[in-house]
């Protein structure tokens, strides 16, 4: 994405242009491509222009991460609004949302977990990430109230499975294949296997 250097920006829409351009650079070229100078150059403003909206690279990347987490949360809320889901299916909504997001937006997904680049003490990011995690724990508690493990252990295990699978897929270690027994896409089969292990079936 490149914006004409001849296009004047009103103070109120420069922030949006900077954000959108940063997201395009992230998608196209990865995290390392997103710097204040690179974004300003693409937008067609001086490298000092973004300072009123993003004081530094961390501020810009943190804003992107917050908005991406919020997008994932909206997807989760929409899916959990389906009253026809079983308790087990409701648990799988959240890891499924993460898997779908990570496979569709690999560079964005990688950014979400870079504590060295993102300010995880920002109240907005704490609020949205805590909501996703707490929701997962709540659904686990409803689905397996008699579990031999507390809900945090189960949630962390499930989150680790999802993150590990995505990391290996994105690094080219795992290929996009289906389970040869049940025919399900591998990521779907992995979640079903996890559910079967929890239920003892």
C-alpha atoms as a PDB file:
ATOM      1  CA  UNK A   1       0.000   0.000   0.000  1.00  0.00           C
ATOM      2  CA  UNK A   2       1.376   3.404  -0.924  1.00  0.00           C
ATOM      3  CA  UNK A   3      -0.334   6.761  -0.610  1.00  0.00           C
ATOM      4  CA  UNK A   4       0.431   9.545  -3.027  1.00  0.00           C
ATOM      5  CA  UNK A   5       2.976  11.983  -1.629  1.00  0.00           C
ATOM      6  CA  UNK A   6       0.945  14.776  -3.199  1.00  0.00           C
ATOM      7  CA  UNK A   7      -2.119  13.983  -1.104  1.00  0.00           C
ATOM      8  CA  UNK A   8      -2.606  16.465   1.747  1.00  0.00           C
ATOM      9  CA  UNK A   9      -3.652  15.079   5.106  1.00  0.00           C
ATOM     10  CA  UNK A  10      -5.984  16.628   7.566  1.00  0.00           C
ATOM     11  CA  UNK A  11      -4.803  16.228  11.151  1.00  0.00           C
ATOM     12  CA  UNK A  12      -7.782  14.006  11.916  1.00  0.00           C
ATOM     13  CA  UNK A  13      -7.179  11.408   9.189  1.00  0.00           C
ATOM     14  CA  UNK A  14      -3.372  11.168   9.296  1.00  0.00           C
ATOM     15  CA  UNK A  15      -3.563   8.755  12.226  1.00  0.00           C
ATOM     16  CA  UNK A  16      -5.833   6.429  10.260  1.00  0.00           C
ATOM     17  CA  UNK A  17      -3.577   6.638   7.209  1.00  0.00           C
ATOM     18  CA  UNK A  18      -0.519   5.800   9.302  1.00  0.00           C
ATOM     19  CA  UNK A  19      -2.260   2.844  10.916  1.00  0.00           C
ATOM     20  CA  UNK A  20      -3.598   1.442   7.647  1.00  0.00           C
ATOM     21  CA  UNK A  21      -0.237   1.814   5.944  1.00  0.00           C
ATOM     22  CA  UNK A  22       1.546   0.113   8.839  1.00  0.00           C
ATOM     23  CA  UNK A  23      -0.891  -2.787   8.623  1.00  0.00           C
ATOM     24  CA  UNK A  24      -0.293  -3.113   4.875  1.00  0.00           C
ATOM     25  CA  UNK A  25       3.473  -3.135   5.387  1.00  0.00           C
ATOM     26  CA  UNK A  26       3.078  -5.750   8.116  1.00  0.00           C
ATOM     27  CA  UNK A  27       0.978  -8.007   5.891  1.00  0.00           C
ATOM     28  CA  UNK A  28       3.275  -7.652   2.911  1.00  0.00           C
ATOM     29  CA  UNK A  29       6.733  -7.695   4.447  1.00  0.00           C
ATOM     30  CA  UNK A  30       6.530  -8.749   8.090  1.00  0.00           C
ATOM     31  CA  UNK A  31       7.140  -7.047  11.419  1.00  0.00           C
ATOM     32  CA  UNK A  32      10.627  -5.754  10.595  1.00  0.00           C
ATOM     33  CA  UNK A  33       9.191  -3.646   7.756  1.00  0.00           C
ATOM     34  CA  UNK A  34       7.013  -1.597  10.108  1.00  0.00           C
ATOM     35  CA  UNK A  35       9.002   1.377  11.346  1.00  0.00           C
ATOM     36  CA  UNK A  36       7.942   4.975  11.867  1.00  0.00           C
ATOM     37  CA  UNK A  37      10.206   6.118   9.026  1.00  0.00           C
ATOM     38  CA  UNK A  38       8.935   3.458   6.617  1.00  0.00           C
ATOM     39  CA  UNK A  39       5.298   4.202   7.379  1.00  0.00           C
ATOM     40  CA  UNK A  40       5.796   7.968   7.109  1.00  0.00           C
ATOM     41  CA  UNK A  41       7.598   7.503   3.793  1.00  0.00           C
ATOM     42  CA  UNK A  42       4.753   5.381   2.387  1.00  0.00           C
ATOM     43  CA  UNK A  43       2.146   7.873   3.546  1.00  0.00           C
ATOM     44  CA  UNK A  44       4.138  10.742   2.082  1.00  0.00           C
ATOM     45  CA  UNK A  45       4.872  12.780   5.203  1.00  0.00           C
ATOM     46  CA  UNK A  46       8.058  13.594   7.095  1.00  0.00           C
ATOM     47  CA  UNK A  47       9.363  11.063   9.590  1.00  0.00           C
ATOM     48  CA  UNK A  48       8.514  13.543  12.365  1.00  0.00           C
ATOM     49  CA  UNK A  49       4.855  13.864  11.338  1.00  0.00           C
ATOM     50  CA  UNK A  50       3.559  10.720  13.113  1.00  0.00           C
ATOM     51  CA  UNK A  51       4.759  11.869  16.550  1.00  0.00           C
ATOM     52  CA  UNK A  52       1.426  13.490  17.449  1.00  0.00           C
ATOM     53  CA  UNK A  53      -0.302  10.135  16.977  1.00  0.00           C
ATOM     54  CA  UNK A  54       2.396   7.527  17.648  1.00  0.00           C
ATOM     55  CA  UNK A  55       5.299   8.674  19.784  1.00  0.00           C
ATOM     56  CA  UNK A  56       7.452   5.726  18.728  1.00  0.00           C
ATOM     57  CA  UNK A  57       7.411   2.349  16.990  1.00  0.00           C
ATOM     58  CA  UNK A  58       6.186   0.551  20.111  1.00  0.00           C
ATOM     59  CA  UNK A  59       3.191   2.859  20.326  1.00  0.00           C
ATOM     60  CA  UNK A  60       2.288   2.157  16.696  1.00  0.00           C
ATOM     61  CA  UNK A  61       2.699  -1.616  16.999  1.00  0.00           C
ATOM     62  CA  UNK A  62       0.785  -1.693  20.286  1.00  0.00           C
ATOM     63  CA  UNK A  63      -2.158   0.114  18.674  1.00  0.00           C
ATOM     64  CA  UNK A  64      -2.157  -2.391  15.819  1.00  0.00           C
ATOM     65  CA  UNK A  65      -2.048  -5.305  18.278  1.00  0.00           C
ATOM     66  CA  UNK A  66      -4.924  -3.903  20.348  1.00  0.00           C
ATOM     67  CA  UNK A  67      -7.130  -3.501  17.295  1.00  0.00           C
ATOM     68  CA  UNK A  68      -6.306  -6.983  16.060  1.00  0.00           C
ATOM     69  CA  UNK A  69      -7.123  -8.548  19.427  1.00  0.00           C
ATOM     70  CA  UNK A  70     -10.373  -6.581  19.439  1.00  0.00           C
ATOM     71  CA  UNK A  71     -11.194  -7.979  15.990  1.00  0.00           C
ATOM     72  CA  UNK A  72     -10.606 -11.519  17.255  1.00  0.00           C
ATOM     73  CA  UNK A  73     -12.802 -10.805  20.286  1.00  0.00           C
ATOM     74  CA  UNK A  74     -15.643  -9.593  18.048  1.00  0.00           C
ATOM     75  CA  UNK A  75     -15.404 -12.841  16.070  1.00  0.00           C
ATOM     76  CA  UNK A  76     -15.508 -14.876  19.290  1.00  0.00           C
ATOM     77  CA  UNK A  77     -18.518 -12.938  20.606  1.00  0.00           C
ATOM     78  CA  UNK A  78     -20.357 -13.481  17.333  1.00  0.00           C
ATOM     79  CA  UNK A  79     -19.744 -17.226  17.348  1.00  0.00           C
ATOM     80  CA  UNK A  80     -20.599 -17.670  21.025  1.00  0.00           C
ATOM     81  CA  UNK A  81     -23.885 -15.925  20.321  1.00  0.00           C
ATOM     82  CA  UNK A  82     -25.013 -19.149  18.643  1.00  0.00           C
ATOM     83  CA  UNK A  83     -27.281 -20.741  21.269  1.00  0.00           C
ATOM     84  CA  UNK A  84     -27.174 -24.095  19.469  1.00  0.00           C
ATOM     85  CA  UNK A  85     -23.581 -24.857  20.436  1.00  0.00           C
ATOM     86  CA  UNK A  86     -22.800 -27.576  22.950  1.00  0.00           C
ATOM     87  CA  UNK A  87     -20.507 -26.787  25.902  1.00  0.00           C
ATOM     88  CA  UNK A  88     -17.605 -28.553  24.178  1.00  0.00           C
ATOM     89  CA  UNK A  89     -18.212 -26.635  20.954  1.00  0.00           C
ATOM     90  CA  UNK A  90     -18.265 -23.357  22.892  1.00  0.00           C
ATOM     91  CA  UNK A  91     -14.820 -24.139  24.322  1.00  0.00           C
ATOM     92  CA  UNK A  92     -13.509 -24.702  20.803  1.00  0.00           C
ATOM     93  CA  UNK A  93     -14.827 -21.374  19.515  1.00  0.00           C
ATOM     94  CA  UNK A  94     -11.941 -19.437  21.041  1.00  0.00           C
ATOM     95  CA  UNK A  95      -9.000 -21.607  19.872  1.00  0.00           C
ATOM     96  CA  UNK A  96     -10.740 -21.941  16.511  1.00  0.00           C
ATOM     97  CA  UNK A  97     -10.926 -18.160  16.206  1.00  0.00           C
ATOM     98  CA  UNK A  98      -7.222 -17.901  16.987  1.00  0.00           C
ATOM     99  CA  UNK A  99      -6.365 -20.626  14.478  1.00  0.00           C
ATOM    100  CA  UNK A 100      -8.433 -19.047  11.735  1.00  0.00           C
ATOM    101  CA  UNK A 101      -6.938 -15.636  12.399  1.00  0.00           C
ATOM    102  CA  UNK A 102      -3.378 -16.938  12.547  1.00  0.00           C
ATOM    103  CA  UNK A 103      -3.669 -18.895   9.316  1.00  0.00           C
ATOM    104  CA  UNK A 104      -5.271 -15.948   7.504  1.00  0.00           C
ATOM    105  CA  UNK A 105      -2.954 -13.255   8.897  1.00  0.00           C
ATOM    106  CA  UNK A 106       0.382 -14.901   9.808  1.00  0.00           C
ATOM    107  CA  UNK A 107       2.386 -11.679  10.189  1.00  0.00           C
ATOM    108  CA  UNK A 108      -0.288 -10.037  12.311  1.00  0.00           C
ATOM    109  CA  UNK A 109      -0.507 -13.134  14.496  1.00  0.00           C
ATOM    110  CA  UNK A 110       3.243 -13.147  15.081  1.00  0.00           C
ATOM    111  CA  UNK A 111       3.129  -9.508  16.136  1.00  0.00           C
ATOM    112  CA  UNK A 112       0.515 -10.205  18.818  1.00  0.00           C
ATOM    113  CA  UNK A 113       2.998 -12.206  20.916  1.00  0.00           C
ATOM    114  CA  UNK A 114       6.042  -9.953  20.637  1.00  0.00           C
ATOM    115  CA  UNK A 115       6.401  -8.602  24.165  1.00  0.00           C
ATOM    116  CA  UNK A 116       9.688  -7.029  23.090  1.00  0.00           C
ATOM    117  CA  UNK A 117       7.812  -4.816  20.634  1.00  0.00           C
ATOM    118  CA  UNK A 118       4.384  -4.338  22.213  1.00  0.00           C
ATOM    119  CA  UNK A 119       3.531  -2.569  25.462  1.00  0.00           C
ATOM    120  CA  UNK A 120       1.676  -5.299  27.296  1.00  0.00           C
ATOM    121  CA  UNK A 121       1.187  -2.959  30.250  1.00  0.00           C
ATOM    122  CA  UNK A 122      -1.151  -0.810  28.158  1.00  0.00           C
ATOM    123  CA  UNK A 123      -4.588  -0.951  29.856  1.00  0.00           C
ATOM    124  CA  UNK A 124      -6.366  -1.477  26.528  1.00  0.00           C
ATOM    125  CA  UNK A 125      -4.342  -4.544  25.604  1.00  0.00           C
ATOM    126  CA  UNK A 126      -4.683  -5.961  29.112  1.00  0.00           C
ATOM    127  CA  UNK A 127      -8.458  -5.529  28.935  1.00  0.00           C
ATOM    128  CA  UNK A 128      -8.956  -7.289  25.596  1.00  0.00           C
ATOM    129  CA  UNK A 129      -6.472 -10.132  26.158  1.00  0.00           C
ATOM    130  CA  UNK A 130      -7.834 -10.786  29.652  1.00  0.00           C
ATOM    131  CA  UNK A 131     -11.357 -10.936  28.218  1.00  0.00           C
ATOM    132  CA  UNK A 132     -10.383 -13.554  25.642  1.00  0.00           C
ATOM    133  CA  UNK A 133      -8.512 -15.657  28.211  1.00  0.00           C
ATOM    134  CA  UNK A 134     -11.187 -15.320  30.908  1.00  0.00           C
ATOM    135  CA  UNK A 135     -13.868 -16.275  28.398  1.00  0.00           C
ATOM    136  CA  UNK A 136     -11.933 -19.421  27.511  1.00  0.00           C
ATOM    137  CA  UNK A 137     -11.601 -20.318  31.197  1.00  0.00           C
ATOM    138  CA  UNK A 138     -15.316 -19.726  31.793  1.00  0.00           C
ATOM    139  CA  UNK A 139     -16.301 -21.985  28.900  1.00  0.00           C
ATOM    140  CA  UNK A 140     -13.890 -24.698  30.086  1.00  0.00           C
ATOM    141  CA  UNK A 141     -15.420 -24.548  33.564  1.00  0.00           C
ATOM    142  CA  UNK A 142     -18.880 -25.044  32.090  1.00  0.00           C
ATOM    143  CA  UNK A 143     -17.817 -27.859  29.789  1.00  0.00           C
ATOM    144  CA  UNK A 144     -15.760 -29.956  32.226  1.00  0.00           C
ATOM    145  CA  UNK A 145     -16.716 -29.032  35.799  1.00  0.00           C
ATOM    146  CA  UNK A 146     -15.466 -32.418  37.054  1.00  0.00           C
ATOM    147  CA  UNK A 147     -12.002 -32.148  35.485  1.00  0.00           C
ATOM    148  CA  UNK A 148      -8.971 -33.398  37.434  1.00  0.00           C
ATOM    149  CA  UNK A 149      -7.230 -30.156  36.460  1.00  0.00           C
ATOM    150  CA  UNK A 150      -8.164 -26.544  37.128  1.00  0.00           C
ATOM    151  CA  UNK A 151      -9.443 -24.467  34.265  1.00  0.00           C
ATOM    152  CA  UNK A 152      -6.248 -22.435  33.960  1.00  0.00           C
ATOM    153  CA  UNK A 153      -4.178 -25.569  33.364  1.00  0.00           C
ATOM    154  CA  UNK A 154      -6.604 -26.702  30.676  1.00  0.00           C
ATOM    155  CA  UNK A 155      -6.727 -23.234  29.103  1.00  0.00           C
ATOM    156  CA  UNK A 156      -2.934 -22.916  29.032  1.00  0.00           C
ATOM    157  CA  UNK A 157      -2.579 -26.397  27.527  1.00  0.00           C
ATOM    158  CA  UNK A 158      -5.140 -25.637  24.831  1.00  0.00           C
ATOM    159  CA  UNK A 159      -3.613 -22.232  24.093  1.00  0.00           C
ATOM    160  CA  UNK A 160      -0.168 -23.844  23.859  1.00  0.00           C
ATOM    161  CA  UNK A 161      -1.430 -26.461  21.391  1.00  0.00           C
ATOM    162  CA  UNK A 162      -2.954 -23.774  19.188  1.00  0.00           C
ATOM    163  CA  UNK A 163       0.081 -21.494  19.328  1.00  0.00           C
ATOM    164  CA  UNK A 164       2.494 -24.358  18.745  1.00  0.00           C
ATOM    165  CA  UNK A 165       0.565 -25.616  15.736  1.00  0.00           C
ATOM    166  CA  UNK A 166       0.376 -22.138  14.208  1.00  0.00           C
ATOM    167  CA  UNK A 167       4.065 -21.508  14.817  1.00  0.00           C
ATOM    168  CA  UNK A 168       5.030 -24.760  13.099  1.00  0.00           C
ATOM    169  CA  UNK A 169       2.651 -24.077  10.190  1.00  0.00           C
ATOM    170  CA  UNK A 170       4.007 -20.584   9.713  1.00  0.00           C
ATOM    171  CA  UNK A 171       7.597 -21.819   9.835  1.00  0.00           C
ATOM    172  CA  UNK A 172       6.866 -24.425   7.182  1.00  0.00           C
ATOM    173  CA  UNK A 173       7.410 -27.369   9.529  1.00  0.00           C
ATOM    174  CA  UNK A 174       3.780 -28.529   9.265  1.00  0.00           C
ATOM    175  CA  UNK A 175       1.975 -28.645   5.934  1.00  0.00           C
ATOM    176  CA  UNK A 176      -1.702 -27.974   5.285  1.00  0.00           C
ATOM    177  CA  UNK A 177      -3.110 -31.501   5.329  1.00  0.00           C
ATOM    178  CA  UNK A 178      -6.139 -33.438   6.566  1.00  0.00           C
ATOM    179  CA  UNK A 179      -6.414 -36.254   9.080  1.00  0.00           C
ATOM    180  CA  UNK A 180      -6.279 -39.472   7.033  1.00  0.00           C
ATOM    181  CA  UNK A 181      -8.781 -41.253   9.324  1.00  0.00           C
ATOM    182  CA  UNK A 182     -11.604 -38.726   9.731  1.00  0.00           C
ATOM    183  CA  UNK A 183     -10.818 -36.410   6.813  1.00  0.00           C
ATOM    184  CA  UNK A 184     -10.885 -33.248   8.928  1.00  0.00           C
ATOM    185  CA  UNK A 185      -8.418 -30.425   8.295  1.00  0.00           C
ATOM    186  CA  UNK A 186      -5.462 -31.012  10.605  1.00  0.00           C
ATOM    187  CA  UNK A 187      -6.142 -27.943  12.770  1.00  0.00           C
ATOM    188  CA  UNK A 188      -9.748 -29.064  13.247  1.00  0.00           C
ATOM    189  CA  UNK A 189      -8.668 -32.605  14.073  1.00  0.00           C
ATOM    190  CA  UNK A 190      -6.160 -31.339  16.635  1.00  0.00           C
ATOM    191  CA  UNK A 191      -8.913 -29.529  18.544  1.00  0.00           C
ATOM    192  CA  UNK A 192     -11.206 -32.561  18.365  1.00  0.00           C
ATOM    193  CA  UNK A 193      -8.394 -34.747  19.701  1.00  0.00           C
ATOM    194  CA  UNK A 194      -7.854 -32.336  22.587  1.00  0.00           C
ATOM    195  CA  UNK A 195     -11.583 -32.398  23.381  1.00  0.00           C
ATOM    196  CA  UNK A 196     -11.642 -36.221  23.273  1.00  0.00           C
ATOM    197  CA  UNK A 197      -8.701 -36.400  25.670  1.00  0.00           C
ATOM    198  CA  UNK A 198     -10.408 -34.063  28.134  1.00  0.00           C
ATOM    199  CA  UNK A 199     -13.659 -36.010  28.045  1.00  0.00           C
ATOM    200  CA  UNK A 200     -11.890 -39.370  28.286  1.00  0.00           C
ATOM    201  CA  UNK A 201     -13.530 -40.637  25.092  1.00  0.00           C
END
